[in-house]
Amino acid sequence: MTLDIPDPKALGCVVSGQKIRVHNMVVESHIGYPDWEREERQRLRLDLEMTTRVIRPLDDTIHHVVDYGPILDRIREICANSRARLLEVLADRIAATCLEAEFVESVTVSIGKLELCNDAESVGIEVTWQRNT
C-alpha cells in the first residue's frame, strides 16, 4: 500500500519548521551536589524540544527523518550511568547527545528533580544549545 505524501509546494505552502517534543520523560539518576544526595537514585523529569532542519519524508519510513528512538535510548543510558553533581552538567550531556543527530539544529533540555522539595512539583533547570551555522 502506498501512502500519498502531501507536497506543500503543490498547495502553495512552505514548511517553515519541524520540532520533536518529548514531554514528562521520567528517568532515574545518581545526581546532586552533596555526596549524600547521589547515594540513592533520584527521579528526574525531562522535557526535550529538538528543532530539526526542515526535511520532508520521501516515503512513510523512518529513513528520511530524525529517528528519536535511539536518541531517547542514549538519554536513558546517560542518566542511568551519570554521577554528575549538577543538573546543568547532565543537561549539557543530554543536549550534546541530541545534537549528534544529523538533522537536529537546536535542542532545549529541561530537567527537574521530582522529590527535592515538598511544596513544589519539581526543581530544575533548562538549557538550550544551537548549532553554529
N, C-alpha and C. Protein backbone atom coordinates (compact mmCIF):
# COMPACT_ATOMS: atom_id res chain seq x y z
N MET A 1 0.84 -1.18 0.00
CA MET A 1 0.00 0.00 0.00
C MET A 1 0.88 1.24 0.00
N THR A 2 0.64 2.15 -0.89
CA THR A 2 1.40 3.38 -1.00
C THR A 2 0.59 4.53 -0.42
N LEU A 3 1.21 5.28 0.46
CA LEU A 3 0.55 6.45 1.03
C LEU A 3 0.93 7.68 0.24
N ASP A 4 -0.03 8.55 0.03
CA ASP A 4 0.27 9.83 -0.61
C ASP A 4 0.90 10.75 0.42
N ILE A 5 2.08 11.25 0.12
CA ILE A 5 2.76 12.19 0.99
C ILE A 5 2.40 13.59 0.48
N PRO A 6 1.77 14.42 1.30
CA PRO A 6 1.40 15.76 0.83
C PRO A 6 2.62 16.55 0.40
N ASP A 7 2.47 17.30 -0.67
CA ASP A 7 3.53 18.16 -1.19
C ASP A 7 3.15 19.60 -0.86
N PRO A 8 3.84 20.23 0.12
CA PRO A 8 3.48 21.59 0.50
C PRO A 8 3.53 22.56 -0.67
N LYS A 9 4.53 22.41 -1.55
CA LYS A 9 4.66 23.32 -2.69
C LYS A 9 3.44 23.26 -3.60
N ALA A 10 2.91 22.06 -3.79
CA ALA A 10 1.73 21.90 -4.64
C ALA A 10 0.52 22.62 -4.05
N LEU A 11 0.55 22.85 -2.74
CA LEU A 11 -0.56 23.54 -2.07
C LEU A 11 -0.26 25.02 -1.84
N GLY A 12 0.85 25.48 -2.42
CA GLY A 12 1.24 26.88 -2.25
C GLY A 12 1.77 27.18 -0.86
N CYS A 13 2.36 26.18 -0.22
CA CYS A 13 2.86 26.33 1.15
C CYS A 13 4.35 26.04 1.21
N VAL A 14 4.93 26.45 2.31
CA VAL A 14 6.31 26.10 2.62
C VAL A 14 6.31 25.59 4.06
N VAL A 15 7.08 24.57 4.31
CA VAL A 15 7.22 24.07 5.67
C VAL A 15 8.28 24.93 6.34
N SER A 16 7.90 25.67 7.38
CA SER A 16 8.82 26.63 7.99
C SER A 16 9.57 26.07 9.20
N GLY A 17 9.18 24.91 9.67
CA GLY A 17 9.89 24.34 10.80
C GLY A 17 9.34 23.00 11.20
N GLN A 18 10.16 22.25 11.90
CA GLN A 18 9.76 20.96 12.46
C GLN A 18 10.40 20.83 13.83
N LYS A 19 9.64 20.30 14.77
CA LYS A 19 10.15 20.08 16.12
C LYS A 19 9.77 18.69 16.59
N ILE A 20 10.67 18.11 17.34
CA ILE A 20 10.40 16.85 18.03
C ILE A 20 10.29 17.22 19.50
N ARG A 21 9.19 16.86 20.12
CA ARG A 21 8.98 17.18 21.54
C ARG A 21 8.82 15.91 22.35
N VAL A 22 9.48 15.88 23.48
CA VAL A 22 9.33 14.79 24.44
C VAL A 22 8.93 15.44 25.75
N HIS A 23 7.77 15.06 26.27
CA HIS A 23 7.26 15.67 27.49
C HIS A 23 7.19 14.65 28.63
N ASN A 24 7.63 15.09 29.77
CA ASN A 24 7.48 14.32 31.01
C ASN A 24 8.11 12.93 30.97
N MET A 25 9.28 12.83 30.37
CA MET A 25 10.03 11.58 30.40
C MET A 25 10.63 11.45 31.80
N VAL A 26 10.36 10.37 32.48
CA VAL A 26 10.86 10.18 33.83
C VAL A 26 12.00 9.16 33.81
N VAL A 27 13.15 9.58 34.34
CA VAL A 27 14.34 8.74 34.41
C VAL A 27 14.86 8.79 35.84
N GLU A 28 15.80 7.93 36.13
CA GLU A 28 16.45 7.94 37.44
C GLU A 28 17.94 8.16 37.26
N SER A 29 18.52 8.88 38.21
CA SER A 29 19.94 9.17 38.12
C SER A 29 20.51 9.43 39.51
N HIS A 30 21.79 9.10 39.68
CA HIS A 30 22.52 9.49 40.89
C HIS A 30 23.03 10.90 40.62
N ILE A 31 22.43 11.90 41.24
CA ILE A 31 22.80 13.28 40.96
C ILE A 31 22.60 14.11 42.22
N GLY A 32 23.39 15.14 42.36
CA GLY A 32 23.23 16.06 43.48
C GLY A 32 24.57 16.60 43.93
N TYR A 33 24.55 17.80 44.45
CA TYR A 33 25.80 18.41 44.87
C TYR A 33 26.36 17.79 46.14
N PRO A 34 25.58 17.63 47.20
CA PRO A 34 26.18 16.93 48.34
C PRO A 34 26.32 15.44 48.03
N ASP A 35 27.38 14.85 48.52
CA ASP A 35 27.63 13.43 48.24
C ASP A 35 26.46 12.54 48.66
N TRP A 36 25.83 12.85 49.79
CA TRP A 36 24.74 12.01 50.28
C TRP A 36 23.57 11.99 49.29
N GLU A 37 23.42 13.07 48.52
CA GLU A 37 22.29 13.13 47.59
C GLU A 37 22.47 12.16 46.41
N ARG A 38 23.72 11.81 46.10
CA ARG A 38 23.99 10.89 45.00
C ARG A 38 23.98 9.43 45.43
N GLU A 39 23.81 9.16 46.73
CA GLU A 39 23.82 7.77 47.20
C GLU A 39 22.65 6.97 46.65
N GLU A 40 21.50 7.56 46.54
CA GLU A 40 20.31 6.89 46.01
C GLU A 40 19.94 7.53 44.66
N ARG A 41 19.37 6.73 43.79
CA ARG A 41 18.87 7.29 42.54
C ARG A 41 17.71 8.23 42.82
N GLN A 42 17.66 9.32 42.06
CA GLN A 42 16.56 10.27 42.15
C GLN A 42 15.76 10.24 40.87
N ARG A 43 14.47 10.44 41.00
CA ARG A 43 13.61 10.54 39.82
C ARG A 43 13.71 11.96 39.26
N LEU A 44 13.93 12.01 37.95
CA LEU A 44 14.02 13.28 37.24
C LEU A 44 12.98 13.31 36.14
N ARG A 45 12.44 14.47 35.87
CA ARG A 45 11.53 14.64 34.73
C ARG A 45 12.26 15.45 33.67
N LEU A 46 12.26 14.92 32.45
CA LEU A 46 12.91 15.58 31.32
C LEU A 46 11.87 16.04 30.31
N ASP A 47 12.08 17.22 29.79
CA ASP A 47 11.35 17.70 28.62
C ASP A 47 12.40 18.10 27.60
N LEU A 48 12.18 17.67 26.37
CA LEU A 48 13.10 17.99 25.28
C LEU A 48 12.33 18.62 24.13
N GLU A 49 12.94 19.58 23.51
CA GLU A 49 12.40 20.10 22.26
C GLU A 49 13.56 20.24 21.29
N MET A 50 13.53 19.43 20.25
CA MET A 50 14.58 19.44 19.23
C MET A 50 14.02 20.07 17.96
N THR A 51 14.63 21.16 17.54
CA THR A 51 14.27 21.77 16.27
C THR A 51 15.13 21.12 15.20
N THR A 52 14.48 20.64 14.16
CA THR A 52 15.22 19.94 13.11
C THR A 52 15.26 20.79 11.84
N ARG A 53 16.27 20.51 11.05
CA ARG A 53 16.31 21.06 9.71
C ARG A 53 15.05 20.59 9.01
N VAL A 54 14.45 21.45 8.21
CA VAL A 54 13.22 21.06 7.53
C VAL A 54 13.56 19.97 6.52
N ILE A 55 13.03 18.79 6.78
CA ILE A 55 13.23 17.66 5.90
C ILE A 55 11.86 17.05 5.63
N ARG A 56 11.62 16.70 4.42
CA ARG A 56 10.34 16.11 4.05
C ARG A 56 10.56 14.62 3.83
N PRO A 57 9.70 13.81 4.42
CA PRO A 57 9.83 12.37 4.17
C PRO A 57 9.56 12.04 2.71
N LEU A 58 10.40 11.21 2.15
CA LEU A 58 10.21 10.79 0.76
C LEU A 58 9.23 9.63 0.68
N ASP A 59 9.07 8.94 1.79
CA ASP A 59 8.10 7.86 1.89
C ASP A 59 7.70 7.74 3.35
N ASP A 60 6.92 6.79 3.68
CA ASP A 60 6.39 6.66 5.04
C ASP A 60 7.28 5.74 5.88
N THR A 61 8.59 5.99 5.82
CA THR A 61 9.55 5.21 6.61
C THR A 61 10.41 6.16 7.44
N ILE A 62 11.11 5.60 8.39
CA ILE A 62 11.93 6.37 9.32
C ILE A 62 13.24 6.86 8.68
N HIS A 63 13.55 6.40 7.48
CA HIS A 63 14.86 6.63 6.87
C HIS A 63 15.11 8.07 6.43
N HIS A 64 14.09 8.90 6.35
CA HIS A 64 14.28 10.25 5.83
C HIS A 64 13.91 11.33 6.84
N VAL A 65 13.83 10.95 8.11
CA VAL A 65 13.53 11.90 9.18
C VAL A 65 14.43 11.58 10.37
N VAL A 66 14.34 12.38 11.44
CA VAL A 66 15.12 12.12 12.65
C VAL A 66 14.47 10.97 13.40
N ASP A 67 15.23 9.92 13.64
CA ASP A 67 14.76 8.77 14.41
C ASP A 67 15.08 9.07 15.87
N TYR A 68 14.05 9.46 16.63
CA TYR A 68 14.28 9.86 18.01
C TYR A 68 14.40 8.67 18.96
N GLY A 69 14.06 7.47 18.53
CA GLY A 69 14.18 6.30 19.40
C GLY A 69 15.59 6.09 19.93
N PRO A 70 16.61 6.04 19.07
CA PRO A 70 17.98 5.87 19.58
C PRO A 70 18.45 7.05 20.44
N ILE A 71 17.97 8.25 20.16
CA ILE A 71 18.33 9.41 20.98
C ILE A 71 17.80 9.22 22.40
N LEU A 72 16.54 8.80 22.51
CA LEU A 72 15.95 8.59 23.84
C LEU A 72 16.63 7.44 24.58
N ASP A 73 16.99 6.39 23.85
CA ASP A 73 17.73 5.28 24.48
C ASP A 73 19.05 5.77 25.06
N ARG A 74 19.75 6.60 24.31
CA ARG A 74 21.04 7.13 24.76
C ARG A 74 20.86 8.04 25.99
N ILE A 75 19.78 8.84 25.99
CA ILE A 75 19.50 9.71 27.14
C ILE A 75 19.23 8.87 28.38
N ARG A 76 18.47 7.81 28.24
CA ARG A 76 18.21 6.91 29.37
C ARG A 76 19.52 6.35 29.92
N GLU A 77 20.40 5.95 29.01
CA GLU A 77 21.70 5.39 29.40
C GLU A 77 22.55 6.44 30.12
N ILE A 78 22.59 7.64 29.58
CA ILE A 78 23.37 8.73 30.20
C ILE A 78 22.88 8.98 31.62
N CYS A 79 21.57 9.09 31.79
CA CYS A 79 21.00 9.36 33.12
C CYS A 79 21.27 8.21 34.08
N ALA A 80 21.11 7.00 33.63
CA ALA A 80 21.30 5.83 34.50
C ALA A 80 22.74 5.71 34.98
N ASN A 81 23.69 6.11 34.14
CA ASN A 81 25.10 5.94 34.47
C ASN A 81 25.77 7.20 35.01
N SER A 82 25.05 8.30 35.05
CA SER A 82 25.65 9.57 35.46
C SER A 82 25.91 9.61 36.96
N ARG A 83 27.02 10.24 37.31
CA ARG A 83 27.31 10.55 38.71
C ARG A 83 27.56 12.06 38.82
N ALA A 84 26.95 12.82 37.89
CA ALA A 84 27.13 14.27 37.89
C ALA A 84 26.61 14.87 39.19
N ARG A 85 27.22 15.94 39.60
CA ARG A 85 26.74 16.66 40.76
C ARG A 85 25.63 17.64 40.36
N LEU A 86 25.76 18.26 39.22
CA LEU A 86 24.87 19.35 38.82
C LEU A 86 23.92 18.94 37.71
N LEU A 87 22.69 19.39 37.81
CA LEU A 87 21.73 19.19 36.72
C LEU A 87 22.22 19.84 35.44
N GLU A 88 22.93 20.97 35.56
CA GLU A 88 23.44 21.66 34.38
C GLU A 88 24.39 20.77 33.58
N VAL A 89 25.22 20.01 34.28
CA VAL A 89 26.16 19.10 33.60
C VAL A 89 25.40 17.98 32.90
N LEU A 90 24.42 17.41 33.58
CA LEU A 90 23.61 16.36 32.96
C LEU A 90 22.85 16.90 31.77
N ALA A 91 22.28 18.08 31.89
CA ALA A 91 21.54 18.69 30.78
C ALA A 91 22.46 18.95 29.58
N ASP A 92 23.68 19.38 29.83
CA ASP A 92 24.63 19.60 28.74
C ASP A 92 24.98 18.29 28.04
N ARG A 93 25.14 17.22 28.80
CA ARG A 93 25.42 15.91 28.19
C ARG A 93 24.25 15.47 27.30
N ILE A 94 23.04 15.69 27.78
CA ILE A 94 21.86 15.32 27.01
C ILE A 94 21.76 16.19 25.75
N ALA A 95 22.00 17.49 25.89
CA ALA A 95 21.95 18.38 24.72
C ALA A 95 22.96 17.96 23.66
N ALA A 96 24.18 17.65 24.10
CA ALA A 96 25.22 17.23 23.16
C ALA A 96 24.81 15.95 22.43
N THR A 97 24.18 15.03 23.15
CA THR A 97 23.72 13.78 22.55
C THR A 97 22.65 14.04 21.49
N CYS A 98 21.73 14.93 21.78
CA CYS A 98 20.67 15.25 20.81
C CYS A 98 21.26 15.85 19.54
N LEU A 99 22.29 16.68 19.69
CA LEU A 99 22.88 17.34 18.53
C LEU A 99 23.80 16.42 17.74
N GLU A 100 24.04 15.21 18.22
CA GLU A 100 24.76 14.24 17.41
C GLU A 100 23.93 13.78 16.23
N ALA A 101 22.60 13.90 16.33
CA ALA A 101 21.73 13.54 15.20
C ALA A 101 21.91 14.57 14.10
N GLU A 102 22.12 14.09 12.91
CA GLU A 102 22.50 14.93 11.78
C GLU A 102 21.56 16.11 11.53
N PHE A 103 20.27 15.92 11.60
CA PHE A 103 19.33 16.96 11.22
C PHE A 103 18.85 17.84 12.37
N VAL A 104 19.29 17.56 13.60
CA VAL A 104 18.88 18.39 14.73
C VAL A 104 19.71 19.68 14.73
N GLU A 105 19.01 20.81 14.72
CA GLU A 105 19.67 22.12 14.66
C GLU A 105 19.81 22.76 16.04
N SER A 106 18.83 22.53 16.92
CA SER A 106 18.90 23.07 18.28
C SER A 106 18.10 22.17 19.20
N VAL A 107 18.40 22.30 20.49
CA VAL A 107 17.69 21.49 21.48
C VAL A 107 17.56 22.29 22.77
N THR A 108 16.40 22.17 23.37
CA THR A 108 16.18 22.71 24.72
C THR A 108 15.90 21.52 25.63
N VAL A 109 16.66 21.45 26.71
CA VAL A 109 16.53 20.36 27.68
C VAL A 109 16.12 20.96 29.01
N SER A 110 15.00 20.49 29.55
CA SER A 110 14.56 20.87 30.90
C SER A 110 14.63 19.64 31.78
N ILE A 111 15.23 19.80 32.95
CA ILE A 111 15.33 18.69 33.90
C ILE A 111 14.85 19.20 35.26
N GLY A 112 13.98 18.41 35.87
CA GLY A 112 13.52 18.75 37.20
C GLY A 112 13.65 17.56 38.14
N LYS A 113 14.15 17.83 39.35
CA LYS A 113 14.18 16.81 40.40
C LYS A 113 12.78 16.74 40.99
N LEU A 114 12.19 15.55 41.01
CA LEU A 114 10.80 15.39 41.41
C LEU A 114 10.60 15.29 42.92
N GLU A 115 11.63 14.94 43.66
CA GLU A 115 11.45 14.68 45.08
C GLU A 115 12.30 15.58 45.97
N LEU A 116 12.76 16.69 45.44
CA LEU A 116 13.66 17.54 46.20
C LEU A 116 12.92 18.46 47.17
N CYS A 117 11.75 18.89 46.79
CA CYS A 117 11.05 19.92 47.55
C CYS A 117 9.59 19.52 47.77
N ASN A 118 9.16 19.51 49.01
CA ASN A 118 7.80 19.07 49.32
C ASN A 118 6.71 19.99 48.79
N ASP A 119 6.99 21.27 48.64
CA ASP A 119 5.95 22.20 48.21
C ASP A 119 6.09 22.63 46.75
N ALA A 120 6.82 21.86 45.96
CA ALA A 120 6.93 22.12 44.52
C ALA A 120 6.92 20.79 43.78
N GLU A 121 6.32 20.78 42.61
CA GLU A 121 6.28 19.56 41.81
C GLU A 121 7.68 19.11 41.42
N SER A 122 8.51 20.09 41.08
CA SER A 122 9.90 19.78 40.75
C SER A 122 10.74 21.04 40.88
N VAL A 123 12.04 20.84 40.96
CA VAL A 123 13.01 21.93 40.97
C VAL A 123 14.04 21.57 39.93
N GLY A 124 14.31 22.50 39.00
CA GLY A 124 15.23 22.13 37.95
C GLY A 124 15.77 23.29 37.15
N ILE A 125 16.29 22.94 35.99
CA ILE A 125 16.95 23.91 35.11
C ILE A 125 16.56 23.64 33.66
N GLU A 126 16.92 24.58 32.81
CA GLU A 126 16.69 24.44 31.37
C GLU A 126 17.89 25.01 30.64
N VAL A 127 18.38 24.29 29.64
CA VAL A 127 19.48 24.76 28.80
C VAL A 127 19.06 24.64 27.33
N THR A 128 19.59 25.52 26.52
CA THR A 128 19.35 25.47 25.08
C THR A 128 20.69 25.51 24.37
N TRP A 129 20.87 24.58 23.47
CA TRP A 129 22.05 24.53 22.61
C TRP A 129 21.59 24.68 21.16
N GLN A 130 22.39 25.40 20.37
CA GLN A 130 22.07 25.59 18.96
C GLN A 130 23.35 25.48 18.15
N ARG A 131 23.24 24.82 17.01
CA ARG A 131 24.41 24.70 16.14
C ARG A 131 24.81 26.07 15.60
N ASN A 132 26.11 26.28 15.43
CA ASN A 132 26.58 27.46 14.69
C ASN A 132 26.37 27.21 13.22
N THR A 133 25.76 28.14 12.54
CA THR A 133 25.54 27.95 11.10
C THR A 133 26.32 28.92 10.27
